């Protein structure tokens, strides 16, 4: 899906995208290193278990491209915190160069249109920028039909916005 305004494209990652995706994950984890308690391994990497996103049907990796260049990614799986939900936005990242240009919003909306179900989108404590972003995007996408939870237990620590986009979003337009 191409957004003409931002040049943003969201597409499913293939095995050929594995190395760039892994490298962007390192940047993502570094960006969150002040709130996500992780350490580098012996190779100087944070590391992230990507295999399931290329092997399991319930998991998917998506790339965000702008004018053909890698600009970010999204990882989706079924590891939800609340049993009534189906889809968990495990990770979402936009490279700094492409932030504040509508790229993240474009990619998030395209992702929601691609995958239908009962969603959970979470933010860790202290990630206030992400919380504001997701509240706004999800409110707009769902027409305000979402529920926000604050969990602090073994399931999740932070905010969760939950919404259901099982039915296609109605397109409205004037009739002349």
N, C-alpha and C. Protein backbone atom coordinates (compact mmCIF):
# COMPACT_ATOMS: atom_id res chain seq x y z
N UNK A 1 0.85 -1.18 0.00
CA UNK A 1 0.00 0.00 0.00
C UNK A 1 0.89 1.24 0.00
N UNK A 2 0.73 2.12 -0.98
CA UNK A 2 1.53 3.33 -1.11
C UNK A 2 0.70 4.53 -0.70
N UNK A 3 1.26 5.35 0.17
CA UNK A 3 0.65 6.61 0.53
C UNK A 3 1.31 7.67 -0.34
N UNK A 4 0.56 8.31 -1.20
CA UNK A 4 1.11 9.29 -2.15
C UNK A 4 1.74 10.49 -1.46
N UNK A 5 1.21 10.88 -0.31
CA UNK A 5 1.72 12.06 0.39
C UNK A 5 3.08 11.80 1.02
N UNK A 6 3.23 10.69 1.71
CA UNK A 6 4.47 10.43 2.43
C UNK A 6 5.44 9.53 1.67
N UNK A 7 4.98 8.87 0.60
CA UNK A 7 5.81 7.90 -0.10
C UNK A 7 5.97 6.63 0.71
N UNK A 8 5.14 6.44 1.71
CA UNK A 8 5.22 5.32 2.65
C UNK A 8 4.57 4.07 2.05
N UNK A 9 5.28 2.96 2.16
CA UNK A 9 4.77 1.66 1.75
C UNK A 9 4.95 0.69 2.90
N UNK A 10 3.94 -0.11 3.15
CA UNK A 10 4.04 -1.19 4.13
C UNK A 10 3.95 -2.48 3.34
N UNK A 11 4.91 -3.38 3.56
CA UNK A 11 4.84 -4.68 2.90
C UNK A 11 5.35 -5.76 3.85
N UNK A 12 4.86 -6.96 3.62
CA UNK A 12 5.28 -8.09 4.43
C UNK A 12 6.76 -8.37 4.16
N UNK A 13 7.51 -8.64 5.21
CA UNK A 13 8.94 -8.93 5.07
C UNK A 13 9.12 -10.34 4.53
N UNK A 14 10.13 -10.50 3.71
CA UNK A 14 10.49 -11.82 3.20
C UNK A 14 11.82 -12.22 3.83
N UNK A 15 12.25 -13.43 3.58
CA UNK A 15 13.52 -13.89 4.13
C UNK A 15 14.68 -13.03 3.65
N UNK A 16 14.56 -12.41 2.49
CA UNK A 16 15.61 -11.51 1.98
C UNK A 16 15.75 -10.25 2.84
N UNK A 17 14.73 -9.92 3.59
CA UNK A 17 14.73 -8.72 4.43
C UNK A 17 15.23 -8.98 5.85
N UNK A 18 15.59 -10.20 6.13
CA UNK A 18 15.94 -10.58 7.50
C UNK A 18 17.12 -9.77 8.06
N UNK A 19 18.18 -9.59 7.31
CA UNK A 19 19.35 -8.85 7.81
C UNK A 19 19.01 -7.37 8.05
N UNK A 20 18.41 -6.67 7.08
CA UNK A 20 18.04 -5.28 7.38
C UNK A 20 17.07 -5.16 8.56
N UNK A 21 16.14 -6.11 8.67
CA UNK A 21 15.20 -6.08 9.79
C UNK A 21 15.95 -6.27 11.11
N UNK A 22 16.86 -7.21 11.17
CA UNK A 22 17.64 -7.44 12.39
C UNK A 22 18.46 -6.20 12.74
N UNK A 23 19.00 -5.51 11.77
CA UNK A 23 19.79 -4.30 12.04
C UNK A 23 18.91 -3.16 12.53
N UNK A 24 17.71 -3.04 11.95
CA UNK A 24 16.79 -2.01 12.45
C UNK A 24 16.33 -2.33 13.86
N UNK A 25 16.18 -3.61 14.18
CA UNK A 25 15.82 -4.00 15.54
C UNK A 25 16.88 -3.57 16.54
N UNK A 26 18.15 -3.64 16.15
CA UNK A 26 19.23 -3.17 17.02
C UNK A 26 19.08 -1.66 17.29
N UNK A 27 18.76 -0.90 16.25
CA UNK A 27 18.56 0.55 16.42
C UNK A 27 17.37 0.82 17.33
N UNK A 28 16.31 0.07 17.12
CA UNK A 28 15.10 0.20 17.93
C UNK A 28 15.41 -0.08 19.40
N UNK A 29 16.11 -1.17 19.66
CA UNK A 29 16.42 -1.52 21.04
C UNK A 29 17.36 -0.49 21.68
N UNK A 30 18.26 0.05 20.88
CA UNK A 30 19.12 1.12 21.40
C UNK A 30 18.29 2.35 21.75
N UNK A 31 17.36 2.72 20.88
CA UNK A 31 16.49 3.88 21.15
C UNK A 31 15.73 3.71 22.47
N UNK A 32 15.39 2.49 22.82
CA UNK A 32 14.62 2.24 24.04
C UNK A 32 15.49 1.82 25.22
N UNK A 33 16.79 1.88 25.08
CA UNK A 33 17.68 1.35 26.12
C UNK A 33 17.57 2.09 27.45
N UNK A 34 17.02 3.29 27.45
CA UNK A 34 16.84 4.00 28.71
C UNK A 34 15.60 3.53 29.48
N UNK A 35 14.69 2.80 28.81
CA UNK A 35 13.50 2.31 29.51
C UNK A 35 13.32 0.79 29.39
N UNK A 36 14.07 0.14 28.51
CA UNK A 36 13.98 -1.30 28.32
C UNK A 36 15.27 -1.90 28.85
N UNK A 37 15.21 -2.58 29.96
CA UNK A 37 16.39 -3.09 30.63
C UNK A 37 17.00 -4.26 29.86
N UNK A 38 17.99 -3.96 29.04
CA UNK A 38 18.69 -4.96 28.23
C UNK A 38 20.18 -4.65 28.26
N UNK A 39 20.96 -5.67 28.00
CA UNK A 39 22.40 -5.49 27.87
C UNK A 39 22.84 -6.09 26.55
N UNK A 40 23.98 -5.61 26.07
CA UNK A 40 24.56 -6.16 24.85
C UNK A 40 25.13 -7.54 25.13
N UNK A 41 25.10 -8.40 24.12
CA UNK A 41 25.67 -9.73 24.27
C UNK A 41 27.16 -9.70 23.92
N UNK A 42 27.78 -10.85 23.85
CA UNK A 42 29.22 -10.94 23.58
C UNK A 42 29.60 -10.41 22.20
N UNK A 43 28.62 -10.28 21.30
CA UNK A 43 28.86 -9.75 19.96
C UNK A 43 28.58 -8.26 19.86
N UNK A 44 28.24 -7.65 21.00
CA UNK A 44 27.91 -6.23 21.00
C UNK A 44 26.54 -5.94 20.43
N UNK A 45 25.64 -6.90 20.53
CA UNK A 45 24.29 -6.75 20.00
C UNK A 45 23.26 -7.00 21.12
N UNK A 46 22.11 -6.39 20.95
CA UNK A 46 21.01 -6.70 21.86
C UNK A 46 20.43 -8.06 21.51
N UNK A 47 20.29 -8.29 20.23
CA UNK A 47 19.73 -9.55 19.76
C UNK A 47 18.22 -9.56 19.91
N UNK A 48 17.57 -10.23 19.01
CA UNK A 48 16.11 -10.36 19.05
C UNK A 48 15.76 -11.64 18.33
N UNK A 49 14.91 -12.45 18.91
CA UNK A 49 14.51 -13.73 18.31
C UNK A 49 13.51 -13.49 17.17
N UNK A 50 14.02 -13.47 15.96
CA UNK A 50 13.20 -13.19 14.78
C UNK A 50 12.62 -14.44 14.13
N UNK A 51 13.16 -15.60 14.42
CA UNK A 51 12.78 -16.81 13.69
C UNK A 51 11.28 -17.01 13.60
N UNK A 52 10.57 -16.81 14.71
CA UNK A 52 9.14 -17.09 14.70
C UNK A 52 8.38 -16.22 13.71
N UNK A 53 8.91 -15.02 13.41
CA UNK A 53 8.22 -14.13 12.48
C UNK A 53 8.32 -14.59 11.04
N UNK A 54 9.19 -15.53 10.79
CA UNK A 54 9.32 -16.10 9.45
C UNK A 54 8.87 -17.56 9.40
N UNK A 55 8.53 -18.13 10.55
CA UNK A 55 8.21 -19.56 10.60
C UNK A 55 6.81 -19.87 11.10
N UNK A 56 6.23 -19.02 11.92
CA UNK A 56 4.93 -19.32 12.53
C UNK A 56 3.82 -18.51 11.87
N UNK A 57 2.73 -19.17 11.58
CA UNK A 57 1.60 -18.53 10.90
C UNK A 57 1.01 -17.38 11.70
N UNK A 58 1.06 -17.45 13.03
CA UNK A 58 0.46 -16.41 13.88
C UNK A 58 1.36 -15.19 14.04
N UNK A 59 2.54 -15.24 13.43
CA UNK A 59 3.50 -14.14 13.55
C UNK A 59 3.80 -13.56 12.17
N UNK A 60 3.96 -12.25 12.12
CA UNK A 60 4.30 -11.63 10.85
C UNK A 60 5.22 -10.43 11.07
N UNK A 61 6.13 -10.27 10.12
CA UNK A 61 7.06 -9.14 10.11
C UNK A 61 6.71 -8.27 8.91
N UNK A 62 6.68 -6.97 9.15
CA UNK A 62 6.31 -6.01 8.11
C UNK A 62 7.40 -4.95 8.01
N UNK A 63 7.65 -4.50 6.80
CA UNK A 63 8.63 -3.44 6.58
C UNK A 63 7.93 -2.16 6.18
N UNK A 64 8.48 -1.07 6.67
CA UNK A 64 8.02 0.26 6.28
C UNK A 64 9.10 0.81 5.35
N UNK A 65 8.69 1.23 4.16
CA UNK A 65 9.61 1.80 3.19
C UNK A 65 9.14 3.20 2.83
N UNK A 66 10.07 4.09 2.60
CA UNK A 66 9.75 5.42 2.10
C UNK A 66 10.59 5.63 0.86
N UNK A 67 9.91 5.86 -0.25
CA UNK A 67 10.57 6.03 -1.54
C UNK A 67 11.57 4.90 -1.81
N UNK A 68 11.18 3.69 -1.44
CA UNK A 68 11.99 2.51 -1.68
C UNK A 68 13.07 2.23 -0.65
N UNK A 69 13.23 3.11 0.33
CA UNK A 69 14.26 2.93 1.36
C UNK A 69 13.65 2.38 2.65
N UNK A 70 14.40 1.50 3.32
CA UNK A 70 13.95 1.00 4.61
C UNK A 70 13.75 2.17 5.56
N UNK A 71 12.58 2.21 6.19
CA UNK A 71 12.26 3.30 7.10
C UNK A 71 11.78 2.81 8.46
N UNK A 72 11.54 1.50 8.59
CA UNK A 72 11.07 0.97 9.86
C UNK A 72 10.46 -0.40 9.69
N UNK A 73 9.78 -0.85 10.74
CA UNK A 73 9.20 -2.19 10.73
C UNK A 73 8.09 -2.31 11.76
N UNK A 74 7.33 -3.38 11.62
CA UNK A 74 6.33 -3.77 12.61
C UNK A 74 6.39 -5.29 12.75
N UNK A 75 6.27 -5.77 13.98
CA UNK A 75 6.21 -7.20 14.27
C UNK A 75 4.90 -7.48 14.98
N UNK A 76 4.16 -8.45 14.49
CA UNK A 76 2.84 -8.78 15.04
C UNK A 76 2.82 -10.27 15.38
N UNK A 77 2.26 -10.59 16.55
CA UNK A 77 2.08 -11.99 16.91
C UNK A 77 0.80 -12.14 17.72
N UNK A 78 0.59 -13.32 18.27
CA UNK A 78 -0.64 -13.58 19.02
C UNK A 78 -0.39 -13.67 20.53
N UNK A 79 0.70 -13.12 21.01
CA UNK A 79 1.04 -13.16 22.44
C UNK A 79 0.33 -12.04 23.20
N UNK A 80 -0.97 -12.09 23.21
CA UNK A 80 -1.78 -11.04 23.84
C UNK A 80 -1.76 -11.18 25.36
N UNK A 81 -2.05 -10.08 26.02
CA UNK A 81 -2.12 -10.07 27.48
C UNK A 81 -3.53 -10.34 27.99
N UNK A 82 -4.51 -9.96 27.21
CA UNK A 82 -5.92 -10.14 27.60
C UNK A 82 -6.54 -11.21 26.71
N UNK A 83 -7.17 -12.22 27.29
CA UNK A 83 -7.60 -13.40 26.51
C UNK A 83 -8.62 -13.11 25.41
N UNK A 84 -9.33 -12.02 25.49
CA UNK A 84 -10.32 -11.72 24.47
C UNK A 84 -9.70 -11.17 23.18
N UNK A 85 -8.40 -10.88 23.21
CA UNK A 85 -7.75 -10.29 22.04
C UNK A 85 -7.00 -11.34 21.22
N UNK A 86 -6.59 -10.95 20.00
CA UNK A 86 -5.97 -11.88 19.05
C UNK A 86 -4.60 -11.41 18.55
N UNK A 87 -4.45 -10.13 18.34
CA UNK A 87 -3.26 -9.59 17.69
C UNK A 87 -2.49 -8.67 18.63
N UNK A 88 -1.20 -8.90 18.73
CA UNK A 88 -0.32 -8.09 19.59
C UNK A 88 0.71 -7.41 18.69
N UNK A 89 0.75 -6.08 18.76
CA UNK A 89 1.78 -5.34 18.05
C UNK A 89 3.03 -5.40 18.91
N UNK A 90 3.85 -6.42 18.66
CA UNK A 90 5.01 -6.70 19.51
C UNK A 90 6.06 -5.60 19.44
N UNK A 91 6.34 -5.10 18.25
CA UNK A 91 7.33 -4.04 18.08
C UNK A 91 6.90 -3.18 16.89
N UNK A 92 7.19 -1.89 16.99
CA UNK A 92 6.90 -0.95 15.90
C UNK A 92 7.97 0.12 15.96
N UNK A 93 8.60 0.39 14.83
CA UNK A 93 9.75 1.30 14.82
C UNK A 93 9.81 2.05 13.51
N UNK A 94 10.09 3.36 13.63
CA UNK A 94 10.36 4.21 12.48
C UNK A 94 11.71 4.87 12.71
N UNK A 95 12.59 4.78 11.73
CA UNK A 95 13.90 5.42 11.83
C UNK A 95 13.73 6.92 12.06
N UNK A 96 14.63 7.50 12.83
CA UNK A 96 14.52 8.92 13.19
C UNK A 96 14.35 9.83 11.98
N UNK A 97 15.04 9.53 10.90
CA UNK A 97 14.96 10.35 9.68
C UNK A 97 13.52 10.50 9.18
N UNK A 98 12.69 9.50 9.43
CA UNK A 98 11.34 9.48 8.88
C UNK A 98 10.24 9.79 9.90
N UNK A 99 10.64 10.13 11.10
CA UNK A 99 9.65 10.47 12.13
C UNK A 99 9.12 11.88 11.90
N UNK A 100 7.95 12.11 12.45
CA UNK A 100 7.27 13.42 12.40
C UNK A 100 6.97 13.87 10.98
N UNK A 101 6.81 12.89 10.08
CA UNK A 101 6.46 13.17 8.69
C UNK A 101 5.20 12.41 8.26
N UNK A 102 4.58 11.73 9.20
CA UNK A 102 3.40 10.94 8.89
C UNK A 102 3.71 9.50 8.52
N UNK A 103 4.98 9.12 8.53
CA UNK A 103 5.37 7.76 8.14
C UNK A 103 4.81 6.72 9.11
N UNK A 104 4.97 6.93 10.40
CA UNK A 104 4.48 5.98 11.38
C UNK A 104 2.97 5.83 11.32
N UNK A 105 2.29 6.93 11.19
CA UNK A 105 0.83 6.91 11.10
C UNK A 105 0.39 6.15 9.85
N UNK A 106 1.01 6.46 8.73
CA UNK A 106 0.69 5.78 7.47
C UNK A 106 0.89 4.28 7.62
N UNK A 107 2.02 3.88 8.17
CA UNK A 107 2.34 2.46 8.32
C UNK A 107 1.38 1.78 9.29
N UNK A 108 1.07 2.44 10.40
CA UNK A 108 0.15 1.85 11.39
C UNK A 108 -1.23 1.64 10.79
N UNK A 109 -1.73 2.62 10.08
CA UNK A 109 -3.06 2.49 9.46
C UNK A 109 -3.07 1.39 8.42
N UNK A 110 -2.01 1.30 7.62
CA UNK A 110 -1.91 0.24 6.61
C UNK A 110 -1.85 -1.13 7.28
N UNK A 111 -1.11 -1.23 8.37
CA UNK A 111 -1.01 -2.50 9.09
C UNK A 111 -2.37 -2.93 9.63
N UNK A 112 -3.08 -1.99 10.24
CA UNK A 112 -4.40 -2.32 10.78
C UNK A 112 -5.35 -2.74 9.66
N UNK A 113 -5.24 -2.11 8.49
CA UNK A 113 -6.09 -2.51 7.37
C UNK A 113 -5.72 -3.90 6.84
N UNK A 114 -4.46 -4.28 6.95
CA UNK A 114 -4.01 -5.59 6.46
C UNK A 114 -4.42 -6.73 7.38
N UNK A 115 -4.40 -6.49 8.68
CA UNK A 115 -4.66 -7.55 9.66
C UNK A 115 -5.91 -7.21 10.47
N UNK A 116 -6.92 -8.03 10.32
CA UNK A 116 -8.20 -7.80 10.99
C UNK A 116 -8.31 -8.66 12.23
N UNK A 117 -8.81 -8.08 13.30
CA UNK A 117 -9.01 -8.83 14.53
C UNK A 117 -9.13 -7.92 15.73
N UNK A 118 -8.97 -8.50 16.89
CA UNK A 118 -9.02 -7.77 18.15
C UNK A 118 -7.57 -7.51 18.58
N UNK A 119 -7.19 -6.26 18.51
CA UNK A 119 -5.80 -5.81 18.69
C UNK A 119 -5.48 -5.38 20.11
N UNK A 120 -4.20 -5.56 20.46
CA UNK A 120 -3.57 -4.93 21.63
C UNK A 120 -2.32 -4.21 21.14
N UNK A 121 -2.21 -2.95 21.53
CA UNK A 121 -1.01 -2.16 21.23
C UNK A 121 -0.53 -1.61 22.57
N UNK A 122 0.69 -1.95 22.96
CA UNK A 122 1.17 -1.57 24.28
C UNK A 122 2.37 -0.65 24.25
N UNK A 123 2.51 0.11 25.33
CA UNK A 123 3.67 0.98 25.51
C UNK A 123 4.21 0.77 26.91
N UNK A 124 5.54 0.70 26.98
CA UNK A 124 6.21 0.54 28.27
C UNK A 124 6.13 1.83 29.08
N UNK A 125 6.16 1.73 30.40
CA UNK A 125 6.19 2.94 31.24
C UNK A 125 7.38 3.82 30.84
N UNK A 126 7.14 5.10 30.77
CA UNK A 126 8.19 6.04 30.43
C UNK A 126 8.28 6.34 28.95
N UNK A 127 7.56 5.59 28.12
CA UNK A 127 7.59 5.85 26.68
C UNK A 127 6.39 6.73 26.31
N UNK A 128 6.42 7.95 26.85
CA UNK A 128 5.29 8.87 26.71
C UNK A 128 5.03 9.28 25.27
N UNK A 129 6.07 9.42 24.47
CA UNK A 129 5.90 9.79 23.07
C UNK A 129 5.10 8.71 22.35
N UNK A 130 5.47 7.45 22.58
CA UNK A 130 4.74 6.35 21.95
C UNK A 130 3.30 6.29 22.43
N UNK A 131 3.08 6.51 23.72
CA UNK A 131 1.72 6.46 24.25
C UNK A 131 0.85 7.52 23.59
N UNK A 132 1.35 8.74 23.46
CA UNK A 132 0.58 9.80 22.79
C UNK A 132 0.31 9.44 21.33
N UNK A 133 1.35 8.92 20.65
CA UNK A 133 1.21 8.55 19.24
C UNK A 133 0.11 7.50 19.08
N UNK A 134 0.19 6.41 19.84
CA UNK A 134 -0.77 5.32 19.67
C UNK A 134 -2.17 5.71 20.09
N UNK A 135 -2.31 6.49 21.15
CA UNK A 135 -3.66 6.95 21.53
C UNK A 135 -4.30 7.71 20.38
N UNK A 136 -3.54 8.60 19.76
CA UNK A 136 -4.08 9.40 18.65
C UNK A 136 -4.39 8.58 17.42
N UNK A 137 -3.47 7.74 17.01
CA UNK A 137 -3.66 6.92 15.81
C UNK A 137 -4.83 5.96 16.00
N UNK A 138 -4.88 5.29 17.13
CA UNK A 138 -5.94 4.31 17.36
C UNK A 138 -7.29 4.99 17.54
N UNK A 139 -7.31 6.14 18.19
CA UNK A 139 -8.57 6.88 18.32
C UNK A 139 -9.10 7.27 16.95
N UNK A 140 -8.23 7.77 16.08
CA UNK A 140 -8.65 8.15 14.74
C UNK A 140 -9.09 6.94 13.92
N UNK A 141 -8.28 5.88 13.97
CA UNK A 141 -8.58 4.68 13.18
C UNK A 141 -9.89 4.03 13.62
N UNK A 142 -10.11 3.96 14.91
CA UNK A 142 -11.28 3.25 15.44
C UNK A 142 -12.49 4.15 15.65
N UNK A 143 -12.36 5.42 15.31
CA UNK A 143 -13.46 6.35 15.58
C UNK A 143 -13.71 6.49 17.07
N UNK A 144 -12.64 6.36 17.85
CA UNK A 144 -12.74 6.48 19.30
C UNK A 144 -13.23 5.21 19.99
N UNK A 145 -13.39 4.15 19.22
CA UNK A 145 -13.91 2.89 19.78
C UNK A 145 -12.76 1.98 20.21
N UNK A 146 -12.10 2.37 21.28
CA UNK A 146 -11.03 1.55 21.85
C UNK A 146 -11.07 1.67 23.36
N UNK A 147 -10.45 0.73 24.02
CA UNK A 147 -10.37 0.74 25.47
C UNK A 147 -8.90 0.74 25.84
N UNK A 148 -8.55 1.57 26.81
CA UNK A 148 -7.17 1.60 27.28
C UNK A 148 -7.10 0.98 28.68
N UNK A 149 -6.13 0.13 28.86
CA UNK A 149 -5.88 -0.51 30.15
C UNK A 149 -4.50 -0.12 30.63
N UNK A 150 -4.33 -0.05 31.93
CA UNK A 150 -3.00 0.08 32.51
C UNK A 150 -2.76 -1.19 33.32
N UNK A 151 -1.81 -2.00 32.86
CA UNK A 151 -1.50 -3.25 33.55
C UNK A 151 -0.15 -3.12 34.24
N UNK A 152 -0.04 -3.77 35.35
CA UNK A 152 1.24 -3.84 36.07
C UNK A 152 1.31 -5.21 36.75
N UNK A 153 1.43 -6.23 35.92
CA UNK A 153 1.47 -7.60 36.44
C UNK A 153 2.30 -8.47 35.51
N UNK A 154 2.19 -9.77 35.66
CA UNK A 154 3.01 -10.69 34.87
C UNK A 154 2.67 -10.64 33.38
N UNK A 155 1.50 -10.11 33.04
CA UNK A 155 1.09 -10.05 31.63
C UNK A 155 1.77 -8.91 30.89
N UNK A 156 1.78 -7.73 31.51
CA UNK A 156 2.31 -6.54 30.83
C UNK A 156 2.51 -5.45 31.87
N UNK A 157 3.50 -4.61 31.64
CA UNK A 157 3.74 -3.43 32.47
C UNK A 157 3.62 -2.22 31.55
N UNK A 158 2.54 -1.49 31.70
CA UNK A 158 2.35 -0.29 30.89
C UNK A 158 0.92 -0.18 30.39
N UNK A 159 0.76 0.63 29.35
CA UNK A 159 -0.56 0.87 28.76
C UNK A 159 -0.82 -0.11 27.63
N UNK A 160 -2.09 -0.45 27.48
CA UNK A 160 -2.57 -1.25 26.36
C UNK A 160 -3.79 -0.57 25.77
N UNK A 161 -3.74 -0.27 24.48
CA UNK A 161 -4.94 0.16 23.79
C UNK A 161 -5.48 -1.05 23.05
N UNK A 162 -6.77 -1.32 23.23
CA UNK A 162 -7.40 -2.49 22.62
C UNK A 162 -8.56 -2.02 21.75
N UNK A 163 -8.64 -2.59 20.55
CA UNK A 163 -9.73 -2.26 19.64
C UNK A 163 -9.97 -3.44 18.71
N UNK A 164 -11.12 -3.42 18.09
CA UNK A 164 -11.54 -4.52 17.21
C UNK A 164 -11.79 -3.95 15.82
N UNK A 165 -11.03 -4.42 14.86
CA UNK A 165 -11.25 -3.99 13.48
C UNK A 165 -11.62 -5.20 12.60
N UNK A 166 -12.31 -6.16 13.22
CA UNK A 166 -12.69 -7.37 12.49
C UNK A 166 -13.48 -7.03 11.24
N UNK A 167 -14.43 -6.14 11.38
CA UNK A 167 -15.21 -5.71 10.22
C UNK A 167 -14.42 -4.65 9.47
N UNK A 168 -14.48 -4.67 8.14
CA UNK A 168 -13.79 -3.62 7.37
C UNK A 168 -14.27 -2.23 7.76
N UNK A 169 -13.35 -1.29 7.74
CA UNK A 169 -13.69 0.10 8.04
C UNK A 169 -14.57 0.63 6.92
N UNK A 170 -15.69 1.24 7.29
CA UNK A 170 -16.60 1.76 6.29
C UNK A 170 -16.00 3.00 5.63
N UNK A 171 -16.08 3.03 4.31
CA UNK A 171 -15.61 4.19 3.55
C UNK A 171 -16.83 5.02 3.23
N UNK A 172 -16.76 6.28 3.60
CA UNK A 172 -17.91 7.15 3.34
C UNK A 172 -17.53 8.18 2.28
N UNK A 173 -18.47 8.56 1.54
CA UNK A 173 -18.22 9.56 0.51
C UNK A 173 -19.53 10.16 0.07
N UNK A 174 -19.43 11.35 -0.47
CA UNK A 174 -20.64 12.03 -0.93
C UNK A 174 -21.10 11.46 -2.26
N UNK A 175 -22.37 11.51 -2.46
CA UNK A 175 -22.95 11.09 -3.74
C UNK A 175 -23.45 12.34 -4.43
N UNK A 176 -23.02 12.52 -5.67
CA UNK A 176 -23.35 13.74 -6.39
C UNK A 176 -24.67 13.76 -7.04
